[in-house]
Amino acid sequence: MKRLRKLGMIALVLLLTLNYACREEDPPQDVCNSGISYKLDGTTVSYPDNTVTAEIYNDADLGKFYDIWTDANGGFYYHSTITETGETGPYASDWRVSADVANIIFLNAKTNVNMTFTVEEGANAESDNVKIKFSGSFEENGTIHQITEGLICTTIDIVH
């Protein structure tokens, strides 16, 4: 009988230990820190988050807009007046004259640019996550190029 009680206690301790070890922990905070990446005609182009700067401007004439860039590997410069979660907008070579548009500077030298940008997670303050997806096509020297799986995923560094 003592042996049975001892085995029962051991089983209870093991059960409690396993139950504690298997508890679900709070999920980690979702941090947007992959930087900037996209596929250009199937080839991945990426810029690590530690090279990306993200700013929010609150302009009297334009309202709120994002400037997100990196100078790494030839640079990538993104400007946008679409800033709120769920907003979608097209490409505009002069993003400062139209509301709800976005611009990637290297596309300004291209023709027949057809891009769509979607704010998956908008930001309002320093350290807020910002996540923007983009895809589309452009023409260069008579060749159509595809941009797919475009993602800007970083945190805001500065609010002006």
C-alpha atoms as a PDB file:
ATOM      1  CA  MET A   1       0.000   0.000   0.000  1.00  0.00           C
ATOM      2  CA  LYS A   2       2.871   2.388   0.860  1.00  0.00           C
ATOM      3  CA  ARG A   3       4.456   1.567  -2.474  1.00  0.00           C
ATOM      4  CA  LEU A   4       1.179   2.337  -4.315  1.00  0.00           C
ATOM      5  CA  ARG A   5       0.849   5.669  -2.518  1.00  0.00           C
ATOM      6  CA  LYS A   6       4.452   6.526  -3.329  1.00  0.00           C
ATOM      7  CA  LEU A   7       3.892   5.708  -7.033  1.00  0.00           C
ATOM      8  CA  GLY A   8       0.704   7.797  -6.969  1.00  0.00           C
ATOM      9  CA  MET A   9       2.588  10.770  -5.508  1.00  0.00           C
ATOM     10  CA  ILE A  10       5.345  10.402  -8.096  1.00  0.00           C
ATOM     11  CA  ALA A  11       2.730  10.267 -10.864  1.00  0.00           C
ATOM     12  CA  LEU A  12       1.001  13.369  -9.466  1.00  0.00           C
ATOM     13  CA  VAL A  13       4.290  15.307  -9.292  1.00  0.00           C
ATOM     14  CA  LEU A  14       5.138  14.279 -12.870  1.00  0.00           C
ATOM     15  CA  LEU A  15       1.668  15.266 -14.072  1.00  0.00           C
ATOM     16  CA  LEU A  16       1.883  18.677 -12.417  1.00  0.00           C
ATOM     17  CA  THR A  17       5.405  19.203 -13.762  1.00  0.00           C
ATOM     18  CA  LEU A  18       4.336  18.316 -17.307  1.00  0.00           C
ATOM     19  CA  ASN A  19       1.243  20.498 -17.038  1.00  0.00           C
ATOM     20  CA  TYR A  20       3.366  23.464 -15.926  1.00  0.00           C
ATOM     21  CA  ALA A  21       5.995  22.855 -18.627  1.00  0.00           C
ATOM     22  CA  CYS A  22       3.383  22.607 -21.381  1.00  0.00           C
ATOM     23  CA  ARG A  23       1.474  25.769 -20.494  1.00  0.00           C
ATOM     24  CA  GLU A  24       1.160  28.224 -23.284  1.00  0.00           C
ATOM     25  CA  GLU A  25       3.302  31.241 -22.657  1.00  0.00           C
ATOM     26  CA  ASP A  26       2.220  34.685 -23.731  1.00  0.00           C
ATOM     27  CA  PRO A  27       3.064  35.040 -27.397  1.00  0.00           C
ATOM     28  CA  PRO A  28       6.124  37.175 -28.095  1.00  0.00           C
ATOM     29  CA  GLN A  29       5.495  40.756 -29.138  1.00  0.00           C
ATOM     30  CA  ASP A  30       5.136  40.986 -32.914  1.00  0.00           C
ATOM     31  CA  VAL A  31       8.045  43.168 -33.920  1.00  0.00           C
ATOM     32  CA  CYS A  32       8.433  44.307 -37.475  1.00  0.00           C
ATOM     33  CA  ASN A  33      12.150  43.999 -38.062  1.00  0.00           C
ATOM     34  CA  SER A  34      12.752  42.348 -41.406  1.00  0.00           C
ATOM     35  CA  GLY A  35      13.589  45.666 -43.116  1.00  0.00           C
ATOM     36  CA  ILE A  36      12.802  45.988 -46.814  1.00  0.00           C
ATOM     37  CA  SER A  37      12.591  43.142 -49.305  1.00  0.00           C
ATOM     38  CA  TYR A  38      11.015  42.273 -52.643  1.00  0.00           C
ATOM     39  CA  LYS A  39      11.503  40.005 -55.615  1.00  0.00           C
ATOM     40  CA  LEU A  40      12.466  41.630 -58.901  1.00  0.00           C
ATOM     41  CA  ASP A  41      11.777  39.178 -61.712  1.00  0.00           C
ATOM     42  CA  GLY A  42      12.070  36.370 -59.160  1.00  0.00           C
ATOM     43  CA  THR A  43      15.377  37.515 -57.635  1.00  0.00           C
ATOM     44  CA  THR A  44      15.235  38.609 -53.999  1.00  0.00           C
ATOM     45  CA  VAL A  45      16.442  42.099 -53.167  1.00  0.00           C
ATOM     46  CA  SER A  46      16.674  42.892 -49.466  1.00  0.00           C
ATOM     47  CA  TYR A  47      17.898  45.531 -47.076  1.00  0.00           C
ATOM     48  CA  PRO A  48      18.357  44.540 -43.418  1.00  0.00           C
ATOM     49  CA  ASP A  49      16.352  46.418 -40.820  1.00  0.00           C
ATOM     50  CA  ASN A  50      19.444  47.820 -39.105  1.00  0.00           C
ATOM     51  CA  THR A  51      20.124  49.856 -42.294  1.00  0.00           C
ATOM     52  CA  VAL A  52      16.549  51.199 -42.632  1.00  0.00           C
ATOM     53  CA  THR A  53      15.348  54.576 -41.344  1.00  0.00           C
ATOM     54  CA  ALA A  54      11.608  55.227 -41.036  1.00  0.00           C
ATOM     55  CA  GLU A  55      10.090  58.637 -40.422  1.00  0.00           C
ATOM     56  CA  ILE A  56       6.589  60.062 -40.107  1.00  0.00           C
ATOM     57  CA  TYR A  57       5.990  63.630 -41.156  1.00  0.00           C
ATOM     58  CA  ASN A  58       2.930  65.657 -40.253  1.00  0.00           C
ATOM     59  CA  ASP A  59       2.888  68.302 -42.976  1.00  0.00           C
ATOM     60  CA  ALA A  60       0.474  71.261 -42.934  1.00  0.00           C
ATOM     61  CA  ASP A  61      -0.286  70.881 -46.656  1.00  0.00           C
ATOM     62  CA  LEU A  62       0.095  67.135 -47.274  1.00  0.00           C
ATOM     63  CA  GLY A  63      -0.967  65.758 -43.933  1.00  0.00           C
ATOM     64  CA  LYS A  64       0.745  62.668 -42.588  1.00  0.00           C
ATOM     65  CA  PHE A  65       3.249  60.794 -44.766  1.00  0.00           C
ATOM     66  CA  TYR A  66       6.025  58.221 -44.456  1.00  0.00           C
ATOM     67  CA  ASP A  67       9.636  58.462 -45.607  1.00  0.00           C
ATOM     68  CA  ILE A  68      11.338  55.072 -45.310  1.00  0.00           C
ATOM     69  CA  TRP A  69      14.764  54.511 -46.789  1.00  0.00           C
ATOM     70  CA  THR A  70      18.158  52.887 -46.739  1.00  0.00           C
ATOM     71  CA  ASP A  71      21.391  53.867 -48.427  1.00  0.00           C
ATOM     72  CA  ALA A  72      22.684  50.271 -48.298  1.00  0.00           C
ATOM     73  CA  ASN A  73      23.401  48.428 -51.565  1.00  0.00           C
ATOM     74  CA  GLY A  74      22.486  51.281 -53.879  1.00  0.00           C
ATOM     75  CA  GLY A  75      19.584  52.482 -51.736  1.00  0.00           C
ATOM     76  CA  PHE A  76      15.825  52.217 -51.595  1.00  0.00           C
ATOM     77  CA  TYR A  77      13.607  55.241 -50.990  1.00  0.00           C
ATOM     78  CA  TYR A  78       9.882  54.993 -50.255  1.00  0.00           C
ATOM     79  CA  HIS A  79       7.502  57.922 -49.735  1.00  0.00           C
ATOM     80  CA  SER A  80       3.789  57.601 -49.120  1.00  0.00           C
ATOM     81  CA  THR A  81       0.668  59.496 -48.157  1.00  0.00           C
ATOM     82  CA  ILE A  82      -1.095  56.193 -47.426  1.00  0.00           C
ATOM     83  CA  THR A  83      -0.306  55.677 -43.746  1.00  0.00           C
ATOM     84  CA  GLU A  84      -3.231  54.011 -41.996  1.00  0.00           C
ATOM     85  CA  THR A  85      -3.850  50.285 -41.559  1.00  0.00           C
ATOM     86  CA  GLY A  86      -5.865  48.951 -44.494  1.00  0.00           C
ATOM     87  CA  GLU A  87      -5.177  51.865 -46.841  1.00  0.00           C
ATOM     88  CA  THR A  88      -4.246  50.970 -50.404  1.00  0.00           C
ATOM     89  CA  GLY A  89      -2.832  53.242 -53.032  1.00  0.00           C
ATOM     90  CA  PRO A  90      -1.197  53.290 -56.448  1.00  0.00           C
ATOM     91  CA  TYR A  91       2.233  54.495 -57.486  1.00  0.00           C
ATOM     92  CA  ALA A  92       2.685  58.178 -58.322  1.00  0.00           C
ATOM     93  CA  SER A  93       5.938  59.656 -59.603  1.00  0.00           C
ATOM     94  CA  ASP A  94       5.108  62.912 -57.829  1.00  0.00           C
ATOM     95  CA  TRP A  95       3.719  61.655 -54.543  1.00  0.00           C
ATOM     96  CA  ARG A  96       3.572  65.180 -53.103  1.00  0.00           C
ATOM     97  CA  VAL A  97       0.670  66.330 -55.285  1.00  0.00           C
ATOM     98  CA  SER A  98      -1.816  63.503 -54.790  1.00  0.00           C
ATOM     99  CA  ALA A  99      -3.415  62.029 -51.714  1.00  0.00           C
ATOM    100  CA  ASP A 100      -3.341  58.277 -51.108  1.00  0.00           C
ATOM    101  CA  VAL A 101      -0.350  57.404 -53.281  1.00  0.00           C
ATOM    102  CA  ALA A 102       3.105  55.928 -52.781  1.00  0.00           C
ATOM    103  CA  ASN A 103       6.436  56.140 -54.530  1.00  0.00           C
ATOM    104  CA  ILE A 104       9.610  54.121 -54.744  1.00  0.00           C
ATOM    105  CA  ILE A 105      12.193  56.522 -56.132  1.00  0.00           C
ATOM    106  CA  PHE A 106      13.948  54.081 -58.503  1.00  0.00           C
ATOM    107  CA  LEU A 107      10.655  53.631 -60.355  1.00  0.00           C
ATOM    108  CA  ASN A 108      10.616  57.316 -61.351  1.00  0.00           C
ATOM    109  CA  ALA A 109      13.045  56.545 -64.193  1.00  0.00           C
ATOM    110  CA  LYS A 110      10.819  53.702 -65.500  1.00  0.00           C
ATOM    111  CA  THR A 111       7.783  53.739 -67.788  1.00  0.00           C
ATOM    112  CA  ASN A 112       4.368  52.086 -67.516  1.00  0.00           C
ATOM    113  CA  VAL A 113       4.684  51.709 -63.769  1.00  0.00           C
ATOM    114  CA  ASN A 114       1.735  49.806 -62.295  1.00  0.00           C
ATOM    115  CA  MET A 115       2.242  49.249 -58.569  1.00  0.00           C
ATOM    116  CA  THR A 116      -0.104  48.730 -55.639  1.00  0.00           C
ATOM    117  CA  PHE A 117       0.837  49.515 -52.047  1.00  0.00           C
ATOM    118  CA  THR A 118      -1.115  48.347 -48.987  1.00  0.00           C
ATOM    119  CA  VAL A 119      -0.529  49.424 -45.403  1.00  0.00           C
ATOM    120  CA  GLU A 120      -0.840  46.246 -43.331  1.00  0.00           C
ATOM    121  CA  GLU A 121       0.077  48.035 -40.103  1.00  0.00           C
ATOM    122  CA  GLY A 122       0.125  51.786 -39.789  1.00  0.00           C
ATOM    123  CA  ALA A 123       2.226  53.727 -37.288  1.00  0.00           C
ATOM    124  CA  ASN A 124       1.771  56.985 -35.387  1.00  0.00           C
ATOM    125  CA  ALA A 125       4.665  57.252 -32.953  1.00  0.00           C
ATOM    126  CA  GLU A 126       8.333  56.421 -32.522  1.00  0.00           C
ATOM    127  CA  SER A 127       8.901  52.668 -32.023  1.00  0.00           C
ATOM    128  CA  ASP A 128       5.539  51.785 -33.625  1.00  0.00           C
ATOM    129  CA  ASN A 129       5.682  49.006 -36.194  1.00  0.00           C
ATOM    130  CA  VAL A 130       4.961  49.865 -39.809  1.00  0.00           C
ATOM    131  CA  LYS A 131       4.280  47.141 -42.370  1.00  0.00           C
ATOM    132  CA  ILE A 132       3.625  47.886 -46.035  1.00  0.00           C
ATOM    133  CA  LYS A 133       3.203  45.354 -48.845  1.00  0.00           C
ATOM    134  CA  PHE A 134       3.730  46.211 -52.508  1.00  0.00           C
ATOM    135  CA  SER A 135       3.767  44.545 -55.909  1.00  0.00           C
ATOM    136  CA  GLY A 136       3.356  45.357 -59.568  1.00  0.00           C
ATOM    137  CA  SER A 137       5.255  45.919 -62.767  1.00  0.00           C
ATOM    138  CA  PHE A 138       7.232  48.496 -64.718  1.00  0.00           C
ATOM    139  CA  GLU A 139       8.819  48.792 -68.132  1.00  0.00           C
ATOM    140  CA  GLU A 140      12.465  49.514 -68.782  1.00  0.00           C
ATOM    141  CA  ASN A 141      13.976  49.645 -72.286  1.00  0.00           C
ATOM    142  CA  GLY A 142      10.991  47.761 -73.704  1.00  0.00           C
ATOM    143  CA  THR A 143      11.141  44.946 -71.116  1.00  0.00           C
ATOM    144  CA  ILE A 144       8.380  44.455 -68.536  1.00  0.00           C
ATOM    145  CA  HIS A 145       9.703  43.678 -65.043  1.00  0.00           C
ATOM    146  CA  GLN A 146       7.700  42.241 -62.131  1.00  0.00           C
ATOM    147  CA  ILE A 147       8.035  43.179 -58.487  1.00  0.00           C
ATOM    148  CA  THR A 148       6.443  40.613 -56.171  1.00  0.00           C
ATOM    149  CA  GLU A 149       6.432  39.903 -52.444  1.00  0.00           C
ATOM    150  CA  GLY A 150       7.387  43.480 -51.634  1.00  0.00           C
ATOM    151  CA  LEU A 151       7.507  44.138 -47.913  1.00  0.00           C
ATOM    152  CA  ILE A 152       8.583  47.052 -45.774  1.00  0.00           C
ATOM    153  CA  CYS A 153       8.567  45.904 -42.163  1.00  0.00           C
ATOM    154  CA  THR A 154      10.314  48.152 -39.656  1.00  0.00           C
ATOM    155  CA  THR A 155       9.750  50.451 -36.712  1.00  0.00           C
ATOM    156  CA  ILE A 156       9.381  54.214 -36.799  1.00  0.00           C
ATOM    157  CA  ASP A 157      12.574  56.011 -35.801  1.00  0.00           C
ATOM    158  CA  ILE A 158      11.480  59.661 -35.907  1.00  0.00           C
ATOM    159  CA  VAL A 159       8.226  61.650 -35.961  1.00  0.00           C
ATOM    160  CA  HIS A 160       8.384  65.216 -37.295  1.00  0.00           C
END
